[in-house]
N, C-alpha and C. Protein backbone atom coordinates (compact mmCIF):
# COMPACT_ATOMS: atom_id res chain seq x y z
N MET A 1 10.83 -35.79 -18.95
CA MET A 1 9.99 -35.18 -17.93
C MET A 1 10.78 -34.13 -17.14
N LEU A 2 11.99 -34.46 -16.75
CA LEU A 2 12.81 -33.53 -15.99
C LEU A 2 13.07 -32.26 -16.79
N GLY A 3 13.29 -32.38 -18.09
CA GLY A 3 13.55 -31.22 -18.93
C GLY A 3 12.37 -30.25 -18.91
N GLY A 4 11.14 -30.75 -18.99
CA GLY A 4 9.95 -29.90 -18.97
C GLY A 4 9.79 -29.20 -17.64
N ALA A 5 10.06 -29.91 -16.55
CA ALA A 5 9.96 -29.30 -15.22
C ALA A 5 11.01 -28.21 -15.06
N TRP A 6 12.22 -28.47 -15.55
CA TRP A 6 13.28 -27.47 -15.46
C TRP A 6 12.91 -26.23 -16.26
N MET A 7 12.36 -26.38 -17.44
CA MET A 7 11.97 -25.24 -18.27
C MET A 7 10.87 -24.43 -17.58
N ALA A 8 9.96 -25.10 -16.91
CA ALA A 8 8.90 -24.38 -16.20
C ALA A 8 9.49 -23.54 -15.08
N LEU A 9 10.49 -24.09 -14.37
CA LEU A 9 11.12 -23.33 -13.29
C LEU A 9 11.94 -22.17 -13.83
N VAL A 10 12.64 -22.37 -14.93
CA VAL A 10 13.45 -21.31 -15.52
C VAL A 10 12.56 -20.17 -16.00
N GLY A 11 11.37 -20.49 -16.55
CA GLY A 11 10.46 -19.48 -17.08
C GLY A 11 9.71 -18.72 -16.01
N ALA A 12 9.67 -19.23 -14.79
CA ALA A 12 8.93 -18.56 -13.72
C ALA A 12 9.72 -17.36 -13.22
N ALA A 13 9.05 -16.22 -13.14
CA ALA A 13 9.72 -15.01 -12.64
C ALA A 13 9.88 -15.11 -11.13
N PRO A 14 11.06 -14.75 -10.62
CA PRO A 14 11.22 -14.75 -9.16
C PRO A 14 10.33 -13.68 -8.54
N PRO A 15 9.93 -13.90 -7.29
CA PRO A 15 9.05 -12.92 -6.66
C PRO A 15 9.75 -11.57 -6.47
N GLY A 16 8.94 -10.52 -6.44
CA GLY A 16 9.45 -9.18 -6.23
C GLY A 16 9.17 -8.70 -4.82
N SER A 17 9.61 -7.50 -4.53
CA SER A 17 9.33 -6.89 -3.24
C SER A 17 9.16 -5.39 -3.40
N ILE A 18 8.56 -4.79 -2.41
CA ILE A 18 8.33 -3.35 -2.39
C ILE A 18 8.91 -2.80 -1.10
N ASP A 19 9.75 -1.78 -1.23
CA ASP A 19 10.19 -1.00 -0.08
C ASP A 19 9.41 0.30 -0.12
N ALA A 20 8.49 0.46 0.81
CA ALA A 20 7.64 1.65 0.86
C ALA A 20 8.17 2.60 1.93
N ASP A 21 8.50 3.80 1.51
CA ASP A 21 8.96 4.84 2.42
C ASP A 21 7.77 5.74 2.73
N ILE A 22 7.41 5.85 3.99
CA ILE A 22 6.27 6.66 4.42
C ILE A 22 6.81 7.98 4.94
N SER A 23 6.38 9.08 4.33
CA SER A 23 6.87 10.39 4.76
C SER A 23 5.70 11.32 5.07
N GLY A 24 5.97 12.30 5.92
CA GLY A 24 4.98 13.34 6.20
C GLY A 24 4.06 13.09 7.37
N LEU A 25 4.34 12.09 8.20
CA LEU A 25 3.50 11.91 9.39
C LEU A 25 3.64 13.12 10.30
N ARG A 26 2.53 13.64 10.79
CA ARG A 26 2.61 14.84 11.63
C ARG A 26 2.90 14.53 13.09
N SER A 27 2.78 13.27 13.46
CA SER A 27 3.09 12.88 14.84
C SER A 27 3.45 11.41 14.87
N ASN A 28 3.96 10.97 16.01
CA ASN A 28 4.27 9.56 16.23
C ASN A 28 3.16 8.86 17.00
N ARG A 29 2.03 9.52 17.14
CA ARG A 29 0.89 8.92 17.87
C ARG A 29 0.18 7.91 17.00
N GLY A 30 -0.37 6.91 17.64
CA GLY A 30 -1.22 5.93 16.97
C GLY A 30 -0.46 4.97 16.09
N GLN A 31 -1.11 4.59 15.00
CA GLN A 31 -0.56 3.58 14.11
C GLN A 31 -0.81 3.96 12.66
N VAL A 32 -0.08 3.31 11.79
CA VAL A 32 -0.30 3.47 10.36
C VAL A 32 -0.87 2.15 9.85
N LEU A 33 -2.04 2.24 9.23
CA LEU A 33 -2.70 1.07 8.66
C LEU A 33 -2.46 1.09 7.16
N VAL A 34 -1.88 0.00 6.66
CA VAL A 34 -1.46 -0.06 5.26
C VAL A 34 -2.16 -1.22 4.56
N CYS A 35 -2.57 -0.96 3.33
CA CYS A 35 -3.21 -1.96 2.49
C CYS A 35 -2.49 -2.00 1.15
N LEU A 36 -2.10 -3.18 0.69
CA LEU A 36 -1.48 -3.39 -0.61
C LEU A 36 -2.35 -4.36 -1.38
N THR A 37 -2.79 -3.96 -2.57
CA THR A 37 -3.66 -4.83 -3.36
C THR A 37 -3.30 -4.77 -4.84
N MET A 38 -3.69 -5.82 -5.54
CA MET A 38 -3.55 -5.89 -7.00
C MET A 38 -4.91 -5.68 -7.66
N ARG A 39 -5.97 -5.56 -6.88
CA ARG A 39 -7.33 -5.58 -7.41
C ARG A 39 -8.01 -4.23 -7.29
N ALA A 40 -8.35 -3.66 -8.42
CA ALA A 40 -9.00 -2.36 -8.46
C ALA A 40 -10.33 -2.37 -7.72
N ASP A 41 -11.04 -3.49 -7.76
CA ASP A 41 -12.35 -3.55 -7.11
C ASP A 41 -12.24 -3.63 -5.58
N HIS A 42 -11.04 -3.74 -5.05
CA HIS A 42 -10.83 -3.76 -3.60
C HIS A 42 -9.96 -2.60 -3.12
N PHE A 43 -9.81 -1.60 -3.94
CA PHE A 43 -9.00 -0.43 -3.59
C PHE A 43 -9.93 0.71 -3.21
N PRO A 44 -9.70 1.46 -2.16
CA PRO A 44 -8.48 1.55 -1.39
C PRO A 44 -8.48 0.79 -0.06
N ASP A 45 -9.57 0.13 0.32
CA ASP A 45 -9.61 -0.42 1.67
C ASP A 45 -9.27 -1.91 1.77
N CYS A 46 -9.11 -2.60 0.66
CA CYS A 46 -8.78 -4.03 0.64
C CYS A 46 -9.85 -4.91 1.28
N HIS A 47 -11.02 -4.35 1.53
CA HIS A 47 -12.10 -5.10 2.17
C HIS A 47 -12.43 -6.35 1.34
N ASP A 48 -12.46 -7.49 1.99
CA ASP A 48 -12.80 -8.78 1.38
C ASP A 48 -11.84 -9.20 0.27
N ASP A 49 -10.64 -8.67 0.24
CA ASP A 49 -9.64 -9.09 -0.74
C ASP A 49 -8.73 -10.12 -0.07
N PRO A 50 -8.91 -11.41 -0.39
CA PRO A 50 -8.12 -12.44 0.28
C PRO A 50 -6.64 -12.39 -0.07
N GLN A 51 -6.27 -11.74 -1.16
CA GLN A 51 -4.88 -11.68 -1.57
C GLN A 51 -4.19 -10.40 -1.12
N ALA A 52 -4.92 -9.48 -0.52
CA ALA A 52 -4.33 -8.21 -0.07
C ALA A 52 -3.35 -8.46 1.05
N ARG A 53 -2.38 -7.58 1.12
CA ARG A 53 -1.44 -7.59 2.24
C ARG A 53 -1.77 -6.38 3.10
N ARG A 54 -1.94 -6.62 4.38
CA ARG A 54 -2.25 -5.54 5.32
C ARG A 54 -1.18 -5.47 6.38
N MET A 55 -0.96 -4.26 6.87
CA MET A 55 0.02 -4.05 7.93
C MET A 55 -0.51 -2.99 8.86
N ALA A 56 -0.28 -3.15 10.13
CA ALA A 56 -0.53 -2.11 11.13
C ALA A 56 0.78 -1.95 11.90
N VAL A 57 1.36 -0.77 11.82
CA VAL A 57 2.64 -0.53 12.49
C VAL A 57 2.53 0.73 13.34
N PRO A 58 3.20 0.76 14.48
CA PRO A 58 3.20 1.98 15.28
C PRO A 58 3.72 3.15 14.43
N ALA A 59 3.09 4.30 14.55
CA ALA A 59 3.47 5.46 13.74
C ALA A 59 4.95 5.80 13.92
N ALA A 60 5.47 5.60 15.11
CA ALA A 60 6.87 5.91 15.37
C ALA A 60 7.83 5.01 14.58
N GLN A 61 7.33 3.89 14.07
CA GLN A 61 8.18 2.94 13.34
C GLN A 61 7.78 2.81 11.87
N ALA A 62 6.99 3.74 11.37
CA ALA A 62 6.40 3.61 10.04
C ALA A 62 7.20 4.26 8.93
N GLY A 63 8.47 4.54 9.14
CA GLY A 63 9.26 5.19 8.10
C GLY A 63 9.48 4.35 6.87
N ALA A 64 9.79 3.06 7.05
CA ALA A 64 10.07 2.18 5.92
C ALA A 64 9.38 0.84 6.15
N LEU A 65 8.65 0.39 5.15
CA LEU A 65 7.93 -0.88 5.22
C LEU A 65 8.34 -1.74 4.05
N ARG A 66 8.34 -3.04 4.24
CA ARG A 66 8.72 -3.96 3.16
C ARG A 66 7.62 -5.00 2.96
N PHE A 67 7.28 -5.20 1.70
CA PHE A 67 6.39 -6.28 1.28
C PHE A 67 7.25 -7.21 0.41
N SER A 68 7.32 -8.49 0.76
CA SER A 68 8.18 -9.44 0.05
C SER A 68 7.36 -10.56 -0.55
N GLY A 69 8.00 -11.31 -1.46
CA GLY A 69 7.38 -12.49 -2.03
C GLY A 69 6.19 -12.19 -2.91
N LEU A 70 6.26 -11.10 -3.67
CA LEU A 70 5.11 -10.66 -4.47
C LEU A 70 5.21 -11.17 -5.91
N PRO A 71 4.13 -11.73 -6.43
CA PRO A 71 4.13 -12.09 -7.85
C PRO A 71 4.13 -10.82 -8.70
N SER A 72 4.63 -10.93 -9.91
CA SER A 72 4.65 -9.79 -10.82
C SER A 72 3.24 -9.30 -11.09
N GLY A 73 3.10 -7.97 -11.23
CA GLY A 73 1.80 -7.41 -11.53
C GLY A 73 1.72 -5.96 -11.10
N GLY A 74 0.53 -5.40 -11.23
CA GLY A 74 0.28 -4.02 -10.83
C GLY A 74 -0.28 -3.97 -9.42
N TYR A 75 0.27 -3.10 -8.60
CA TYR A 75 -0.12 -2.98 -7.20
C TYR A 75 -0.45 -1.53 -6.88
N ALA A 76 -1.21 -1.34 -5.80
CA ALA A 76 -1.47 0.00 -5.27
C ALA A 76 -1.47 -0.10 -3.75
N ILE A 77 -0.95 0.96 -3.13
CA ILE A 77 -0.90 1.06 -1.67
C ILE A 77 -1.85 2.17 -1.23
N ALA A 78 -2.59 1.90 -0.17
CA ALA A 78 -3.40 2.92 0.50
C ALA A 78 -3.08 2.82 1.98
N LEU A 79 -2.97 3.97 2.64
CA LEU A 79 -2.70 3.94 4.08
C LEU A 79 -3.42 5.08 4.78
N ILE A 80 -3.62 4.88 6.08
CA ILE A 80 -4.14 5.95 6.93
C ILE A 80 -3.27 6.04 8.18
N HIS A 81 -3.13 7.26 8.67
CA HIS A 81 -2.45 7.49 9.94
C HIS A 81 -3.55 7.53 11.00
N ASP A 82 -3.78 6.41 11.62
CA ASP A 82 -4.82 6.24 12.63
C ASP A 82 -4.27 6.76 13.96
N GLU A 83 -4.33 8.07 14.14
CA GLU A 83 -3.70 8.69 15.30
C GLU A 83 -4.33 8.28 16.63
N ASN A 84 -5.62 7.98 16.64
CA ASN A 84 -6.26 7.61 17.90
C ASN A 84 -6.40 6.10 18.09
N GLY A 85 -5.90 5.31 17.15
CA GLY A 85 -5.86 3.86 17.31
C GLY A 85 -7.20 3.16 17.28
N ASN A 86 -8.19 3.74 16.59
CA ASN A 86 -9.51 3.08 16.55
C ASN A 86 -9.72 2.25 15.29
N ASN A 87 -8.64 2.02 14.53
CA ASN A 87 -8.65 1.15 13.34
C ASN A 87 -9.54 1.63 12.20
N LYS A 88 -9.72 2.95 12.10
CA LYS A 88 -10.48 3.50 10.98
C LYS A 88 -10.06 4.94 10.73
N LEU A 89 -10.41 5.45 9.56
CA LEU A 89 -10.15 6.84 9.21
C LEU A 89 -11.29 7.69 9.74
N ASP A 90 -10.99 8.56 10.68
CA ASP A 90 -12.01 9.44 11.24
C ASP A 90 -12.24 10.62 10.31
N THR A 91 -13.51 10.98 10.16
CA THR A 91 -13.88 12.10 9.30
C THR A 91 -14.85 13.02 10.03
N VAL A 92 -14.95 14.26 9.54
CA VAL A 92 -15.95 15.20 9.99
C VAL A 92 -16.57 15.80 8.73
N LEU A 93 -17.87 15.62 8.57
CA LEU A 93 -18.58 16.05 7.37
C LEU A 93 -17.94 15.48 6.10
N GLY A 94 -17.43 14.26 6.19
CA GLY A 94 -16.82 13.59 5.05
C GLY A 94 -15.37 13.97 4.78
N ILE A 95 -14.82 14.89 5.57
CA ILE A 95 -13.43 15.32 5.40
C ILE A 95 -12.57 14.55 6.40
N PRO A 96 -11.51 13.89 5.92
CA PRO A 96 -10.65 13.12 6.84
C PRO A 96 -10.01 14.01 7.90
N ARG A 97 -10.09 13.55 9.15
CA ARG A 97 -9.42 14.22 10.27
C ARG A 97 -8.04 13.64 10.54
N GLU A 98 -7.76 12.50 9.92
CA GLU A 98 -6.48 11.84 10.09
C GLU A 98 -5.80 11.77 8.72
N GLY A 99 -4.50 11.48 8.75
CA GLY A 99 -3.74 11.45 7.52
C GLY A 99 -4.02 10.23 6.67
N PHE A 100 -3.76 10.37 5.38
CA PHE A 100 -3.94 9.28 4.43
C PHE A 100 -2.91 9.44 3.31
N GLY A 101 -2.68 8.39 2.58
CA GLY A 101 -1.74 8.45 1.47
C GLY A 101 -1.94 7.29 0.53
N PHE A 102 -1.42 7.46 -0.68
CA PHE A 102 -1.54 6.45 -1.73
C PHE A 102 -0.24 6.36 -2.50
N SER A 103 0.04 5.18 -3.01
CA SER A 103 1.22 5.03 -3.86
C SER A 103 1.09 5.96 -5.06
N CYS A 104 2.20 6.35 -5.61
CA CYS A 104 2.30 7.29 -6.74
C CYS A 104 1.84 8.70 -6.38
N ASN A 105 1.40 8.91 -5.15
CA ASN A 105 1.01 10.23 -4.64
C ASN A 105 0.13 11.02 -5.60
N PRO A 106 -1.02 10.45 -6.00
CA PRO A 106 -1.89 11.16 -6.94
C PRO A 106 -2.51 12.41 -6.30
N VAL A 107 -2.93 13.33 -7.15
CA VAL A 107 -3.63 14.52 -6.67
C VAL A 107 -4.96 14.07 -6.08
N ILE A 108 -5.29 14.59 -4.90
CA ILE A 108 -6.54 14.24 -4.23
C ILE A 108 -7.52 15.39 -4.40
N ARG A 109 -8.67 15.08 -4.94
CA ARG A 109 -9.72 16.09 -5.09
C ARG A 109 -10.85 15.77 -4.11
N PHE A 110 -11.77 14.96 -4.53
CA PHE A 110 -12.87 14.54 -3.68
C PHE A 110 -12.87 13.02 -3.61
N GLY A 111 -12.56 12.49 -2.46
CA GLY A 111 -12.53 11.05 -2.30
C GLY A 111 -11.20 10.44 -2.72
N ALA A 112 -11.14 9.14 -2.56
CA ALA A 112 -9.92 8.40 -2.87
C ALA A 112 -9.69 8.37 -4.39
N PRO A 113 -8.43 8.28 -4.80
CA PRO A 113 -8.15 8.19 -6.24
C PRO A 113 -8.56 6.83 -6.79
N LYS A 114 -8.64 6.74 -8.07
CA LYS A 114 -8.87 5.46 -8.74
C LYS A 114 -7.62 4.59 -8.60
N PHE A 115 -7.82 3.30 -8.67
CA PHE A 115 -6.72 2.34 -8.60
C PHE A 115 -5.64 2.68 -9.62
N ALA A 116 -6.04 3.02 -10.84
CA ALA A 116 -5.09 3.31 -11.91
C ALA A 116 -4.16 4.46 -11.56
N ALA A 117 -4.62 5.43 -10.78
CA ALA A 117 -3.80 6.58 -10.41
C ALA A 117 -2.74 6.22 -9.36
N ALA A 118 -2.95 5.14 -8.63
CA ALA A 118 -2.02 4.72 -7.58
C ALA A 118 -1.23 3.46 -7.97
N ARG A 119 -1.51 2.93 -9.14
CA ARG A 119 -0.92 1.66 -9.57
C ARG A 119 0.54 1.83 -10.00
N PHE A 120 1.34 0.83 -9.62
CA PHE A 120 2.73 0.76 -10.07
C PHE A 120 3.07 -0.71 -10.29
N ALA A 121 4.07 -0.96 -11.11
CA ALA A 121 4.41 -2.33 -11.50
C ALA A 121 5.48 -2.92 -10.59
N VAL A 122 5.31 -4.20 -10.32
CA VAL A 122 6.29 -4.97 -9.57
C VAL A 122 6.67 -6.17 -10.44
N THR A 123 7.97 -6.36 -10.61
CA THR A 123 8.48 -7.56 -11.27
C THR A 123 9.47 -8.18 -10.29
N SER A 124 10.43 -8.91 -10.76
CA SER A 124 11.43 -9.44 -9.84
C SER A 124 12.30 -8.29 -9.36
N GLY A 125 12.92 -8.47 -8.23
CA GLY A 125 13.72 -7.40 -7.64
C GLY A 125 12.88 -6.54 -6.71
N THR A 126 13.43 -5.40 -6.33
CA THR A 126 12.78 -4.53 -5.36
C THR A 126 12.36 -3.22 -6.01
N VAL A 127 11.14 -2.81 -5.75
CA VAL A 127 10.61 -1.54 -6.22
C VAL A 127 10.58 -0.59 -5.02
N ASP A 128 11.11 0.60 -5.19
CA ASP A 128 11.04 1.62 -4.14
C ASP A 128 9.86 2.52 -4.42
N GLU A 129 9.01 2.72 -3.42
CA GLU A 129 7.81 3.55 -3.56
C GLU A 129 7.72 4.46 -2.34
N THR A 130 7.57 5.76 -2.58
CA THR A 130 7.40 6.71 -1.49
C THR A 130 5.95 7.14 -1.42
N VAL A 131 5.37 7.08 -0.23
CA VAL A 131 3.99 7.53 -0.01
C VAL A 131 4.04 8.72 0.94
N ARG A 132 3.58 9.86 0.46
CA ARG A 132 3.50 11.07 1.29
C ARG A 132 2.13 11.13 1.95
N VAL A 133 2.12 11.24 3.26
CA VAL A 133 0.88 11.33 4.02
C VAL A 133 0.35 12.75 3.92
N LYS A 134 -0.96 12.86 3.68
CA LYS A 134 -1.62 14.16 3.54
C LYS A 134 -2.63 14.32 4.67
N TYR A 135 -2.82 15.54 5.10
CA TYR A 135 -3.80 15.87 6.14
C TYR A 135 -4.69 16.98 5.61
N MET A 136 -5.99 16.83 5.77
CA MET A 136 -6.94 17.85 5.32
C MET A 136 -7.28 18.83 6.45
N LEU A 137 -7.27 18.35 7.68
CA LEU A 137 -7.60 19.18 8.85
C LEU A 137 -6.45 19.15 9.84
């Protein structure tokens, strides 16, 4: 019995982590709202995703973020620079007035990118991911 339990532990991959570097904030006002998910059907807002990791950090402290204890798999990050602190992305005629960004920094055309465009793999160890914040207005 002990041998089987030991083999199960040896075969289990240790958890991974993500060091996310946030670049391109135009000001230190407000906060940065970050969502990390493994589920395409909950990207980019993580709404109703019980396994999503969310963070709200003051913009002045949002240079480097760490997500730890992650099981292996594909992840995507979405964030907004909520400059006025109202916990949402403000828009005018559907165009974001505040900054936003995604892992893998996909080209933005109309609307948020697909999960696949922002997806990156996490295994054991640490993955470094840089998210550049973009502003439309």
